[in-house]
Amino acid sequence: MRHVTVAGQTSRTSDSHIGKVVDRVLDSLPDPARWQNPGGYPDGLALCTIDAVQSIGVRYGSVVTVLDRYRTFRRAQGAEPAVDGAAELLRTFADVGGVNPWAAAIGNAHRTSTTPGAPLKAEAVEQAATVLLAARLPTCHALRQGADDQLHVAKQAWLRVPGQRSGISWRYLLMLAGRPGVKPDRMIIRFVAAALGCPVGAVTPDQAADLVEQAAGRLNVTSTHLDHAIWRWQSGRDLGTGAQVDR
């Protein structure tokens, strides 16, 4: 089992830790039959990439705006954005004349960090699409079928894209494309920390993801489904039925 650091102490991921997360799910969330379908973009790697990169550290409403602008742009070109891959996404940067025009026409002014002069998220989107093409993962199907070593190489390159070092957006990309997983953002970490009775800062993203994945196995649900249910509950959203990942 993996090692988990909780409240400053290192120990193996124990049945106790997993059990505490399971107990919090059972005590806090309704029956899984009421959980919302996480959705995603099973045929649209371009949308997955935009969503994964643009969603880090912002309110999701701004991401929806970018996705809608991308869809409008591509439909005006006579294309169907729901099936665009990495190559089609990269072509839109060439069509508008580069990163800054893309940010103005399709994206927004959000940057990859709060550091003065940090690259625009639009630049990270372009670099992320380039990484996927270089790794021969140009579509959602390829990403779902990718071998572990191929995905590992792609992940390492993705982590070098501005603002993506934590790996959270990589995890989210895979989820949006249809691979089960957990996006250990602040809502997931808060839920796990509360379950363990420790400070939020004592739980890393990888640790939170590991515990939620193992809890999902015990609850006989997919890790993606549990991740989304926890996120909606922790952020005060309705857990009713629906189809779209909205984070």
C-alpha atoms as a PDB file:
ATOM      1  CA  MET A   1       0.000   0.000   0.000  1.00  0.00           C
ATOM      2  CA  ARG A   2       1.021   3.606  -0.519  1.00  0.00           C
ATOM      3  CA  HIS A   3       2.317   5.840   2.223  1.00  0.00           C
ATOM      4  CA  VAL A   4       0.071   8.618   3.493  1.00  0.00           C
ATOM      5  CA  THR A   5       1.105  11.531   5.677  1.00  0.00           C
ATOM      6  CA  VAL A   6      -1.631  12.626   8.045  1.00  0.00           C
ATOM      7  CA  ALA A   7      -1.195  15.427  10.600  1.00  0.00           C
ATOM      8  CA  GLY A   8       2.577  15.289  10.254  1.00  0.00           C
ATOM      9  CA  GLN A   9       2.983  11.538  10.652  1.00  0.00           C
ATOM     10  CA  THR A  10       3.834   9.027   7.917  1.00  0.00           C
ATOM     11  CA  SER A  11       2.063   5.665   7.879  1.00  0.00           C
ATOM     12  CA  ARG A  12       0.799   3.148   5.392  1.00  0.00           C
ATOM     13  CA  THR A  13      -2.586   3.776   3.826  1.00  0.00           C
ATOM     14  CA  SER A  14      -4.509   1.807   6.418  1.00  0.00           C
ATOM     15  CA  ASP A  15      -7.926   0.246   6.527  1.00  0.00           C
ATOM     16  CA  SER A  16      -8.666   2.866   9.177  1.00  0.00           C
ATOM     17  CA  HIS A  17      -7.966   5.773   6.815  1.00  0.00           C
ATOM     18  CA  ILE A  18      -9.997   4.261   4.006  1.00  0.00           C
ATOM     19  CA  GLY A  19     -12.763   3.330   6.419  1.00  0.00           C
ATOM     20  CA  LYS A  20     -12.996   6.886   7.697  1.00  0.00           C
ATOM     21  CA  VAL A  21     -13.503   8.191   4.166  1.00  0.00           C
ATOM     22  CA  VAL A  22     -16.114   5.508   3.514  1.00  0.00           C
ATOM     23  CA  ASP A  23     -17.897   6.386   6.752  1.00  0.00           C
ATOM     24  CA  ARG A  24     -17.967  10.076   5.854  1.00  0.00           C
ATOM     25  CA  VAL A  25     -19.436   9.249   2.445  1.00  0.00           C
ATOM     26  CA  LEU A  26     -22.141   7.092   4.036  1.00  0.00           C
ATOM     27  CA  ASP A  27     -22.889   9.695   6.708  1.00  0.00           C
ATOM     28  CA  SER A  28     -22.896  12.738   4.406  1.00  0.00           C
ATOM     29  CA  LEU A  29     -23.948  11.760   0.901  1.00  0.00           C
ATOM     30  CA  PRO A  30     -27.272  10.318  -0.261  1.00  0.00           C
ATOM     31  CA  ASP A  31     -27.654   6.911  -1.879  1.00  0.00           C
ATOM     32  CA  PRO A  32     -25.458   6.550  -4.998  1.00  0.00           C
ATOM     33  CA  ALA A  33     -28.593   6.169  -7.105  1.00  0.00           C
ATOM     34  CA  ARG A  34     -29.139   9.899  -6.561  1.00  0.00           C
ATOM     35  CA  TRP A  35     -25.637  10.983  -7.546  1.00  0.00           C
ATOM     36  CA  GLN A  36     -25.172  13.043 -10.685  1.00  0.00           C
ATOM     37  CA  ASN A  37     -23.599  11.487 -13.748  1.00  0.00           C
ATOM     38  CA  PRO A  38     -20.161  13.126 -14.065  1.00  0.00           C
ATOM     39  CA  GLY A  39     -20.380  13.256 -17.854  1.00  0.00           C
ATOM     40  CA  GLY A  40     -17.325  14.404 -19.794  1.00  0.00           C
ATOM     41  CA  TYR A  41     -16.431  14.550 -23.482  1.00  0.00           C
ATOM     42  CA  PRO A  42     -15.922  10.935 -24.609  1.00  0.00           C
ATOM     43  CA  ASP A  43     -15.128  11.883 -28.216  1.00  0.00           C
ATOM     44  CA  GLY A  44     -13.755  15.412 -27.791  1.00  0.00           C
ATOM     45  CA  LEU A  45     -10.155  15.586 -26.603  1.00  0.00           C
ATOM     46  CA  ALA A  46     -10.037  19.262 -27.518  1.00  0.00           C
ATOM     47  CA  LEU A  47     -12.852  20.018 -25.068  1.00  0.00           C
ATOM     48  CA  CYS A  48     -11.218  17.777 -22.445  1.00  0.00           C
ATOM     49  CA  THR A  49      -7.941  19.672 -22.786  1.00  0.00           C
ATOM     50  CA  ILE A  50      -9.529  23.108 -22.610  1.00  0.00           C
ATOM     51  CA  ASP A  51     -11.636  22.132 -19.594  1.00  0.00           C
ATOM     52  CA  ALA A  52      -8.765  20.473 -17.726  1.00  0.00           C
ATOM     53  CA  VAL A  53      -6.383  23.406 -18.120  1.00  0.00           C
ATOM     54  CA  GLN A  54      -8.833  26.284 -17.828  1.00  0.00           C
ATOM     55  CA  SER A  55     -10.585  24.898 -14.722  1.00  0.00           C
ATOM     56  CA  ILE A  56      -7.611  24.987 -12.345  1.00  0.00           C
ATOM     57  CA  GLY A  57      -8.084  27.560  -9.589  1.00  0.00           C
ATOM     58  CA  VAL A  58     -11.081  29.380 -11.065  1.00  0.00           C
ATOM     59  CA  ARG A  59     -14.862  29.401 -10.859  1.00  0.00           C
ATOM     60  CA  TYR A  60     -16.211  26.953 -13.394  1.00  0.00           C
ATOM     61  CA  GLY A  61     -18.489  29.526 -15.004  1.00  0.00           C
ATOM     62  CA  SER A  62     -15.479  31.066 -16.735  1.00  0.00           C
ATOM     63  CA  VAL A  63     -14.572  27.648 -18.142  1.00  0.00           C
ATOM     64  CA  VAL A  64     -18.074  27.188 -19.550  1.00  0.00           C
ATOM     65  CA  THR A  65     -17.688  30.500 -21.357  1.00  0.00           C
ATOM     66  CA  VAL A  66     -14.437  29.373 -22.992  1.00  0.00           C
ATOM     67  CA  LEU A  67     -15.913  26.009 -23.981  1.00  0.00           C
ATOM     68  CA  ASP A  68     -18.935  27.718 -25.511  1.00  0.00           C
ATOM     69  CA  ARG A  69     -16.740  30.127 -27.458  1.00  0.00           C
ATOM     70  CA  TYR A  70     -14.686  27.207 -28.773  1.00  0.00           C
ATOM     71  CA  ARG A  71     -17.830  25.385 -29.866  1.00  0.00           C
ATOM     72  CA  THR A  72     -19.162  28.509 -31.585  1.00  0.00           C
ATOM     73  CA  PHE A  73     -15.834  29.098 -33.353  1.00  0.00           C
ATOM     74  CA  ARG A  74     -15.606  25.550 -34.659  1.00  0.00           C
ATOM     75  CA  ARG A  75     -19.227  25.374 -35.750  1.00  0.00           C
ATOM     76  CA  ALA A  76     -18.745  28.588 -37.689  1.00  0.00           C
ATOM     77  CA  GLN A  77     -15.962  26.726 -39.515  1.00  0.00           C
ATOM     78  CA  GLY A  78     -18.401  23.940 -40.359  1.00  0.00           C
ATOM     79  CA  ALA A  79     -16.847  21.509 -37.861  1.00  0.00           C
ATOM     80  CA  GLU A  80     -18.259  19.551 -34.925  1.00  0.00           C
ATOM     81  CA  PRO A  81     -16.313  20.474 -31.754  1.00  0.00           C
ATOM     82  CA  ALA A  82     -17.606  17.426 -29.858  1.00  0.00           C
ATOM     83  CA  VAL A  83     -15.287  15.218 -31.909  1.00  0.00           C
ATOM     84  CA  ASP A  84     -12.260  17.527 -32.169  1.00  0.00           C
ATOM     85  CA  GLY A  85      -8.963  16.022 -31.120  1.00  0.00           C
ATOM     86  CA  ALA A  86      -5.640  17.586 -30.192  1.00  0.00           C
ATOM     87  CA  ALA A  87      -4.762  18.365 -33.818  1.00  0.00           C
ATOM     88  CA  GLU A  88      -7.997  20.261 -34.395  1.00  0.00           C
ATOM     89  CA  LEU A  89      -7.486  22.212 -31.188  1.00  0.00           C
ATOM     90  CA  LEU A  90      -3.968  23.218 -32.219  1.00  0.00           C
ATOM     91  CA  ARG A  91      -5.229  24.280 -35.633  1.00  0.00           C
ATOM     92  CA  THR A  92      -7.517  26.853 -34.024  1.00  0.00           C
ATOM     93  CA  PHE A  93      -4.460  28.632 -32.632  1.00  0.00           C
ATOM     94  CA  ALA A  94      -3.037  28.868 -36.152  1.00  0.00           C
ATOM     95  CA  ASP A  95      -6.400  29.978 -37.528  1.00  0.00           C
ATOM     96  CA  VAL A  96      -6.602  33.014 -35.227  1.00  0.00           C
ATOM     97  CA  GLY A  97      -2.909  33.887 -35.286  1.00  0.00           C
ATOM     98  CA  GLY A  98      -1.460  32.529 -32.056  1.00  0.00           C
ATOM     99  CA  VAL A  99      -1.903  32.408 -28.292  1.00  0.00           C
ATOM    100  CA  ASN A 100      -2.882  36.009 -27.601  1.00  0.00           C
ATOM    101  CA  PRO A 101      -5.524  36.187 -30.346  1.00  0.00           C
ATOM    102  CA  TRP A 102      -6.844  32.780 -29.216  1.00  0.00           C
ATOM    103  CA  ALA A 103      -7.163  34.069 -25.645  1.00  0.00           C
ATOM    104  CA  ALA A 104      -9.051  37.103 -26.940  1.00  0.00           C
ATOM    105  CA  ALA A 105     -11.343  35.293 -29.369  1.00  0.00           C
ATOM    106  CA  ILE A 106     -11.926  31.968 -27.606  1.00  0.00           C
ATOM    107  CA  GLY A 107     -10.203  31.890 -24.217  1.00  0.00           C
ATOM    108  CA  ASN A 108      -9.821  34.599 -21.602  1.00  0.00           C
ATOM    109  CA  ALA A 109      -7.217  36.626 -19.757  1.00  0.00           C
ATOM    110  CA  HIS A 110      -6.709  34.060 -16.993  1.00  0.00           C
ATOM    111  CA  ARG A 111      -3.111  33.108 -16.317  1.00  0.00           C
ATOM    112  CA  THR A 112      -1.517  29.894 -15.140  1.00  0.00           C
ATOM    113  CA  SER A 113      -0.520  31.386 -11.783  1.00  0.00           C
ATOM    114  CA  THR A 114      -0.662  34.583  -9.773  1.00  0.00           C
ATOM    115  CA  THR A 115       3.016  35.264 -10.465  1.00  0.00           C
ATOM    116  CA  PRO A 116       3.357  38.543 -12.383  1.00  0.00           C
ATOM    117  CA  GLY A 117       3.841  37.822 -16.064  1.00  0.00           C
ATOM    118  CA  ALA A 118       2.776  34.170 -15.774  1.00  0.00           C
ATOM    119  CA  PRO A 119       1.768  32.609 -19.109  1.00  0.00           C
ATOM    120  CA  LEU A 120      -1.843  32.791 -20.180  1.00  0.00           C
ATOM    121  CA  LYS A 121      -3.904  29.655 -19.754  1.00  0.00           C
ATOM    122  CA  ALA A 122      -4.351  29.806 -23.509  1.00  0.00           C
ATOM    123  CA  GLU A 123      -0.618  29.136 -23.841  1.00  0.00           C
ATOM    124  CA  ALA A 124      -0.934  26.168 -21.504  1.00  0.00           C
ATOM    125  CA  VAL A 125      -3.833  24.813 -23.582  1.00  0.00           C
ATOM    126  CA  GLU A 126      -1.702  25.039 -26.735  1.00  0.00           C
ATOM    127  CA  GLN A 127       1.266  23.352 -25.057  1.00  0.00           C
ATOM    128  CA  ALA A 128      -0.935  20.638 -23.558  1.00  0.00           C
ATOM    129  CA  ALA A 129      -2.388  19.799 -26.973  1.00  0.00           C
ATOM    130  CA  THR A 130       1.151  19.658 -28.368  1.00  0.00           C
ATOM    131  CA  VAL A 131       2.135  17.211 -25.612  1.00  0.00           C
ATOM    132  CA  LEU A 132      -0.763  14.895 -26.473  1.00  0.00           C
ATOM    133  CA  LEU A 133       0.096  14.884 -30.161  1.00  0.00           C
ATOM    134  CA  ALA A 134       3.776  14.228 -29.457  1.00  0.00           C
ATOM    135  CA  ALA A 135       2.793  11.297 -27.241  1.00  0.00           C
ATOM    136  CA  ARG A 136       0.604   9.875 -30.027  1.00  0.00           C
ATOM    137  CA  LEU A 137      -2.510  10.424 -27.951  1.00  0.00           C
ATOM    138  CA  PRO A 138      -4.479  12.632 -30.362  1.00  0.00           C
ATOM    139  CA  THR A 139      -7.994  11.492 -29.418  1.00  0.00           C
ATOM    140  CA  CYS A 140     -10.010  10.423 -26.394  1.00  0.00           C
ATOM    141  CA  HIS A 141     -10.041   6.870 -27.710  1.00  0.00           C
ATOM    142  CA  ALA A 142      -6.245   6.851 -27.885  1.00  0.00           C
ATOM    143  CA  LEU A 143      -6.047   8.272 -24.363  1.00  0.00           C
ATOM    144  CA  ARG A 144      -8.395   5.606 -22.996  1.00  0.00           C
ATOM    145  CA  GLN A 145      -6.476   2.845 -24.748  1.00  0.00           C
ATOM    146  CA  GLY A 146      -3.002   4.210 -24.032  1.00  0.00           C
ATOM    147  CA  ALA A 147      -0.465   1.873 -22.456  1.00  0.00           C
ATOM    148  CA  ASP A 148       0.850   2.714 -18.996  1.00  0.00           C
ATOM    149  CA  ASP A 149       4.328   3.618 -20.250  1.00  0.00           C
ATOM    150  CA  GLN A 150       2.897   5.829 -22.981  1.00  0.00           C
ATOM    151  CA  LEU A 151       0.669   7.621 -20.481  1.00  0.00           C
ATOM    152  CA  HIS A 152       3.593   8.025 -18.082  1.00  0.00           C
ATOM    153  CA  VAL A 153       5.684   9.773 -20.740  1.00  0.00           C
ATOM    154  CA  ALA A 154       2.760  12.012 -21.671  1.00  0.00           C
ATOM    155  CA  LYS A 155       2.104  12.850 -18.029  1.00  0.00           C
ATOM    156  CA  GLN A 156       5.701  13.869 -17.391  1.00  0.00           C
ATOM    157  CA  ALA A 157       5.576  16.225 -20.379  1.00  0.00           C
ATOM    158  CA  TRP A 158       2.171  17.563 -19.299  1.00  0.00           C
ATOM    159  CA  LEU A 159       3.540  18.389 -15.839  1.00  0.00           C
ATOM    160  CA  ARG A 160       6.097  20.670 -17.495  1.00  0.00           C
ATOM    161  CA  VAL A 161       3.361  22.767 -19.114  1.00  0.00           C
ATOM    162  CA  PRO A 162       2.975  26.093 -17.258  1.00  0.00           C
ATOM    163  CA  GLY A 163       0.621  25.771 -14.291  1.00  0.00           C
ATOM    164  CA  GLN A 164       0.194  21.987 -14.531  1.00  0.00           C
ATOM    165  CA  ARG A 165       2.956  20.784 -12.183  1.00  0.00           C
ATOM    166  CA  SER A 166       0.550  19.509  -9.502  1.00  0.00           C
ATOM    167  CA  GLY A 167      -0.827  16.873 -11.856  1.00  0.00           C
ATOM    168  CA  ILE A 168      -4.432  17.714 -10.968  1.00  0.00           C
ATOM    169  CA  SER A 169      -5.281  18.805 -14.507  1.00  0.00           C
ATOM    170  CA  TRP A 170      -3.736  15.603 -15.912  1.00  0.00           C
ATOM    171  CA  ARG A 171      -5.960  13.505 -13.681  1.00  0.00           C
ATOM    172  CA  TYR A 172      -8.949  15.598 -14.715  1.00  0.00           C
ATOM    173  CA  LEU A 173      -8.092  15.239 -18.401  1.00  0.00           C
ATOM    174  CA  LEU A 174      -8.172  11.456 -18.092  1.00  0.00           C
ATOM    175  CA  MET A 175     -11.496  11.574 -16.254  1.00  0.00           C
ATOM    176  CA  LEU A 176     -13.076  13.848 -18.852  1.00  0.00           C
ATOM    177  CA  ALA A 177     -11.880  11.497 -21.584  1.00  0.00           C
ATOM    178  CA  GLY A 178     -13.467   8.510 -19.866  1.00  0.00           C
ATOM    179  CA  ARG A 179     -10.753   6.921 -17.725  1.00  0.00           C
ATOM    180  CA  PRO A 180     -11.891   6.429 -14.104  1.00  0.00           C
ATOM    181  CA  GLY A 181     -10.088   8.620 -11.598  1.00  0.00           C
ATOM    182  CA  VAL A 182     -10.166  11.378  -9.002  1.00  0.00           C
ATOM    183  CA  LYS A 183      -9.465  15.082  -9.422  1.00  0.00           C
ATOM    184  CA  PRO A 184      -8.036  15.950  -5.978  1.00  0.00           C
ATOM    185  CA  ASP A 185      -8.889  19.638  -5.935  1.00  0.00           C
ATOM    186  CA  ARG A 186      -9.512  21.666  -2.797  1.00  0.00           C
ATOM    187  CA  MET A 187     -13.052  20.290  -2.329  1.00  0.00           C
ATOM    188  CA  ILE A 188     -11.887  16.671  -2.401  1.00  0.00           C
ATOM    189  CA  ILE A 189      -8.971  17.423  -0.076  1.00  0.00           C
ATOM    190  CA  ARG A 190     -11.275  19.201   2.388  1.00  0.00           C
ATOM    191  CA  PHE A 191     -13.615  16.208   2.439  1.00  0.00           C
ATOM    192  CA  VAL A 192     -10.790  13.727   3.040  1.00  0.00           C
ATOM    193  CA  ALA A 193      -9.164  15.921   5.698  1.00  0.00           C
ATOM    194  CA  ALA A 194     -12.477  16.194   7.560  1.00  0.00           C
ATOM    195  CA  ALA A 195     -12.910  12.426   7.363  1.00  0.00           C
ATOM    196  CA  LEU A 196      -9.441  11.879   8.835  1.00  0.00           C
ATOM    197  CA  GLY A 197      -9.812  14.641  11.417  1.00  0.00           C
ATOM    198  CA  CYS A 198      -6.663  16.440  10.311  1.00  0.00           C
ATOM    199  CA  PRO A 199      -5.792  19.865   8.880  1.00  0.00           C
ATOM    200  CA  VAL A 200      -6.353  20.375   5.155  1.00  0.00           C
ATOM    201  CA  GLY A 201      -2.647  21.082   4.734  1.00  0.00           C
ATOM    202  CA  ALA A 202      -1.771  17.619   6.046  1.00  0.00           C
ATOM    203  CA  VAL A 203      -3.354  15.874   3.035  1.00  0.00           C
ATOM    204  CA  THR A 204      -1.646  16.071  -0.368  1.00  0.00           C
ATOM    205  CA  PRO A 205      -3.556  15.769  -3.659  1.00  0.00           C
ATOM    206  CA  ASP A 206      -2.081  12.331  -4.348  1.00  0.00           C
ATOM    207  CA  GLN A 207      -3.040  11.099  -0.899  1.00  0.00           C
ATOM    208  CA  ALA A 208      -6.587  12.393  -1.245  1.00  0.00           C
ATOM    209  CA  ALA A 209      -6.945  10.762  -4.656  1.00  0.00           C
ATOM    210  CA  ASP A 210      -5.597   7.449  -3.364  1.00  0.00           C
ATOM    211  CA  LEU A 211      -8.028   7.352  -0.450  1.00  0.00           C
ATOM    212  CA  VAL A 212     -11.046   8.288  -2.555  1.00  0.00           C
ATOM    213  CA  GLU A 213     -10.144   5.675  -5.178  1.00  0.00           C
ATOM    214  CA  GLN A 214      -9.878   2.968  -2.532  1.00  0.00           C
ATOM    215  CA  ALA A 215     -13.077   4.118  -0.846  1.00  0.00           C
ATOM    216  CA  ALA A 216     -14.858   3.882  -4.205  1.00  0.00           C
ATOM    217  CA  GLY A 217     -13.811   0.258  -4.469  1.00  0.00           C
ATOM    218  CA  ARG A 218     -15.309  -0.509  -1.083  1.00  0.00           C
ATOM    219  CA  LEU A 219     -18.520   1.304  -1.988  1.00  0.00           C
ATOM    220  CA  ASN A 220     -18.767  -0.507  -5.343  1.00  0.00           C
ATOM    221  CA  VAL A 221     -18.904   2.719  -7.356  1.00  0.00           C
ATOM    222  CA  THR A 222     -16.455   4.160  -9.865  1.00  0.00           C
ATOM    223  CA  SER A 223     -13.838   6.545  -8.542  1.00  0.00           C
ATOM    224  CA  THR A 224     -15.044   9.195 -11.012  1.00  0.00           C
ATOM    225  CA  HIS A 225     -18.611   8.898  -9.739  1.00  0.00           C
ATOM    226  CA  LEU A 226     -17.540   9.157  -6.093  1.00  0.00           C
ATOM    227  CA  ASP A 227     -15.181  12.048  -6.836  1.00  0.00           C
ATOM    228  CA  HIS A 228     -17.964  14.039  -8.463  1.00  0.00           C
ATOM    229  CA  ALA A 229     -20.488  13.276  -5.717  1.00  0.00           C
ATOM    230  CA  ILE A 230     -18.027  14.383  -3.023  1.00  0.00           C
ATOM    231  CA  TRP A 231     -17.172  17.529  -4.969  1.00  0.00           C
ATOM    232  CA  ARG A 232     -20.821  18.496  -5.426  1.00  0.00           C
ATOM    233  CA  TRP A 233     -21.653  17.838  -1.773  1.00  0.00           C
ATOM    234  CA  GLN A 234     -18.570  19.623  -0.439  1.00  0.00           C
ATOM    235  CA  SER A 235     -19.264  22.676  -2.623  1.00  0.00           C
ATOM    236  CA  GLY A 236     -22.930  22.831  -1.601  1.00  0.00           C
ATOM    237  CA  ARG A 237     -24.403  21.744  -4.932  1.00  0.00           C
ATOM    238  CA  ASP A 238     -27.417  19.542  -5.541  1.00  0.00           C
ATOM    239  CA  LEU A 239     -26.539  15.889  -6.083  1.00  0.00           C
ATOM    240  CA  GLY A 240     -29.503  15.356  -8.408  1.00  0.00           C
ATOM    241  CA  THR A 241     -29.320  13.848 -11.849  1.00  0.00           C
ATOM    242  CA  GLY A 242     -27.506  15.549 -14.675  1.00  0.00           C
ATOM    243  CA  ALA A 243     -24.858  14.935 -17.280  1.00  0.00           C
ATOM    244  CA  GLN A 244     -22.092  17.512 -17.145  1.00  0.00           C
ATOM    245  CA  VAL A 245     -18.942  17.715 -15.097  1.00  0.00           C
ATOM    246  CA  ASP A 246     -19.068  21.251 -13.760  1.00  0.00           C
ATOM    247  CA  ARG A 247     -15.860  22.031 -11.984  1.00  0.00           C
END
